C-alpha atoms as a PDB file:
ATOM      1  CA  UNK A   1       0.000   0.000   0.000  1.00  0.00           C
ATOM      2  CA  UNK A   2       1.385   3.449  -0.899  1.00  0.00           C
ATOM      3  CA  UNK A   3       2.934   5.457   1.925  1.00  0.00           C
ATOM      4  CA  UNK A   4       2.185   9.125   2.604  1.00  0.00           C
ATOM      5  CA  UNK A   5       4.434  11.596   0.871  1.00  0.00           C
ATOM      6  CA  UNK A   6       5.513   9.188  -1.861  1.00  0.00           C
ATOM      7  CA  UNK A   7       4.385   9.047  -5.444  1.00  0.00           C
ATOM      8  CA  UNK A   8       1.736   6.278  -5.340  1.00  0.00           C
ATOM      9  CA  UNK A   9       2.213   5.367  -9.003  1.00  0.00           C
ATOM     10  CA  UNK A  10       5.963   4.958  -8.551  1.00  0.00           C
ATOM     11  CA  UNK A  11       5.438   2.929  -5.389  1.00  0.00           C
ATOM     12  CA  UNK A  12       2.938   0.603  -7.080  1.00  0.00           C
ATOM     13  CA  UNK A  13       5.340   0.172 -10.022  1.00  0.00           C
ATOM     14  CA  UNK A  14       8.122  -0.754  -7.574  1.00  0.00           C
ATOM     15  CA  UNK A  15       5.843  -3.305  -5.882  1.00  0.00           C
ATOM     16  CA  UNK A  16       4.969  -4.801  -9.275  1.00  0.00           C
ATOM     17  CA  UNK A  17       8.687  -5.085 -10.073  1.00  0.00           C
ATOM     18  CA  UNK A  18       9.208  -7.024  -6.833  1.00  0.00           C
ATOM     19  CA  UNK A  19       6.309  -9.364  -7.647  1.00  0.00           C
ATOM     20  CA  UNK A  20       7.682  -9.833 -11.157  1.00  0.00           C
ATOM     21  CA  UNK A  21      11.097 -10.761  -9.749  1.00  0.00           C
ATOM     22  CA  UNK A  22       9.490 -13.163  -7.283  1.00  0.00           C
ATOM     23  CA  UNK A  23       7.512 -14.908 -10.026  1.00  0.00           C
ATOM     24  CA  UNK A  24      10.552 -15.129 -12.291  1.00  0.00           C
ATOM     25  CA  UNK A  25      12.578 -16.687  -9.481  1.00  0.00           C
ATOM     26  CA  UNK A  26       9.817 -19.188  -8.691  1.00  0.00           C
ATOM     27  CA  UNK A  27       9.375 -20.258 -12.314  1.00  0.00           C
ATOM     28  CA  UNK A  28      13.138 -20.515 -12.756  1.00  0.00           C
ATOM     29  CA  UNK A  29      13.333 -22.767  -9.703  1.00  0.00           C
ATOM     30  CA  UNK A  30      10.450 -24.932 -10.954  1.00  0.00           C
ATOM     31  CA  UNK A  31      12.147 -25.224 -14.359  1.00  0.00           C
ATOM     32  CA  UNK A  32      15.462 -26.230 -12.761  1.00  0.00           C
ATOM     33  CA  UNK A  33      13.687 -28.957 -10.789  1.00  0.00           C
ATOM     34  CA  UNK A  34      11.936 -30.214 -13.927  1.00  0.00           C
ATOM     35  CA  UNK A  35       8.486 -29.488 -12.525  1.00  0.00           C
ATOM     36  CA  UNK A  36       7.362 -27.105 -15.263  1.00  0.00           C
ATOM     37  CA  UNK A  37       8.709 -25.869 -18.576  1.00  0.00           C
ATOM     38  CA  UNK A  38       8.690 -22.289 -19.777  1.00  0.00           C
ATOM     39  CA  UNK A  39       6.216 -23.267 -22.496  1.00  0.00           C
ATOM     40  CA  UNK A  40       3.830 -24.821 -19.935  1.00  0.00           C
ATOM     41  CA  UNK A  41       4.106 -21.664 -17.819  1.00  0.00           C
ATOM     42  CA  UNK A  42       3.280 -19.397 -20.768  1.00  0.00           C
ATOM     43  CA  UNK A  43       0.403 -21.648 -21.846  1.00  0.00           C
ATOM     44  CA  UNK A  44      -1.075 -21.531 -18.324  1.00  0.00           C
ATOM     45  CA  UNK A  45      -0.802 -17.740 -18.230  1.00  0.00           C
ATOM     46  CA  UNK A  46      -2.480 -17.361 -21.622  1.00  0.00           C
ATOM     47  CA  UNK A  47      -5.303 -19.673 -20.530  1.00  0.00           C
ATOM     48  CA  UNK A  48      -5.916 -17.684 -17.341  1.00  0.00           C
ATOM     49  CA  UNK A  49      -5.789 -14.321 -19.093  1.00  0.00           C
ATOM     50  CA  UNK A  50      -8.232 -15.564 -21.726  1.00  0.00           C
ATOM     51  CA  UNK A  51     -10.591 -16.952 -19.080  1.00  0.00           C
ATOM     52  CA  UNK A  52     -10.462 -13.774 -16.996  1.00  0.00           C
ATOM     53  CA  UNK A  53     -11.158 -11.635 -20.056  1.00  0.00           C
ATOM     54  CA  UNK A  54     -14.518 -13.391 -20.301  1.00  0.00           C
ATOM     55  CA  UNK A  55     -15.410 -12.782 -16.657  1.00  0.00           C
ATOM     56  CA  UNK A  56     -16.137  -9.614 -14.734  1.00  0.00           C
ATOM     57  CA  UNK A  57     -13.857  -9.218 -11.766  1.00  0.00           C
ATOM     58  CA  UNK A  58     -15.079  -8.452  -8.260  1.00  0.00           C
ATOM     59  CA  UNK A  59     -13.002  -5.262  -8.404  1.00  0.00           C
ATOM     60  CA  UNK A  60     -14.886  -4.089 -11.519  1.00  0.00           C
ATOM     61  CA  UNK A  61     -18.249  -4.798  -9.916  1.00  0.00           C
ATOM     62  CA  UNK A  62     -17.177  -3.088  -6.687  1.00  0.00           C
ATOM     63  CA  UNK A  63     -15.964  -0.021  -8.594  1.00  0.00           C
ATOM     64  CA  UNK A  64     -19.211   0.217 -10.558  1.00  0.00           C
ATOM     65  CA  UNK A  65     -21.269  -0.112  -7.363  1.00  0.00           C
ATOM     66  CA  UNK A  66     -19.290   2.534  -5.490  1.00  0.00           C
ATOM     67  CA  UNK A  67     -19.356   4.813  -8.546  1.00  0.00           C
ATOM     68  CA  UNK A  68     -23.128   4.448  -8.865  1.00  0.00           C
ATOM     69  CA  UNK A  69     -23.556   5.159  -5.144  1.00  0.00           C
ATOM     70  CA  UNK A  70     -21.355   8.264  -5.423  1.00  0.00           C
ATOM     71  CA  UNK A  71     -23.376   9.583  -8.386  1.00  0.00           C
ATOM     72  CA  UNK A  72     -26.658   8.882  -6.579  1.00  0.00           C
ATOM     73  CA  UNK A  73     -25.549  10.686  -3.409  1.00  0.00           C
ATOM     74  CA  UNK A  74     -24.156  13.596  -5.396  1.00  0.00           C
ATOM     75  CA  UNK A  75     -27.458  13.906  -7.262  1.00  0.00           C
ATOM     76  CA  UNK A  76     -29.410  13.873  -3.987  1.00  0.00           C
ATOM     77  CA  UNK A  77     -27.102  16.502  -2.527  1.00  0.00           C
ATOM     78  CA  UNK A  78     -27.444  18.768  -5.568  1.00  0.00           C
ATOM     79  CA  UNK A  79     -31.211  18.297  -5.508  1.00  0.00           C
ATOM     80  CA  UNK A  80     -31.367  19.375  -1.844  1.00  0.00           C
ATOM     81  CA  UNK A  81     -29.192  22.395  -2.578  1.00  0.00           C
ATOM     82  CA  UNK A  82     -31.376  23.314  -5.540  1.00  0.00           C
ATOM     83  CA  UNK A  83     -34.555  23.068  -3.453  1.00  0.00           C
ATOM     84  CA  UNK A  84     -32.951  25.176  -0.721  1.00  0.00           C
ATOM     85  CA  UNK A  85     -32.147  27.954  -3.192  1.00  0.00           C
ATOM     86  CA  UNK A  86     -35.664  28.029  -4.647  1.00  0.00           C
ATOM     87  CA  UNK A  87     -37.420  28.560  -1.294  1.00  0.00           C
END
């Protein structure tokens, strides 16, 4: 999670780099042990990405719900302000 005072985009990018390094190290270790090949790894990734492209993620649904709620509340607030001005 981004810390105060730091650029959140840069911090997230740094975290992604760490995760990328961790995954590379894990796959490399699995390849060395003969558990998985690079081709199998890539095939599995492509399958998951394809499957997820067909599904809506919880994060997307959550974002839409919170966005809708924000718009609804904003509309109610503006309506109250408008009524207050017309009295």
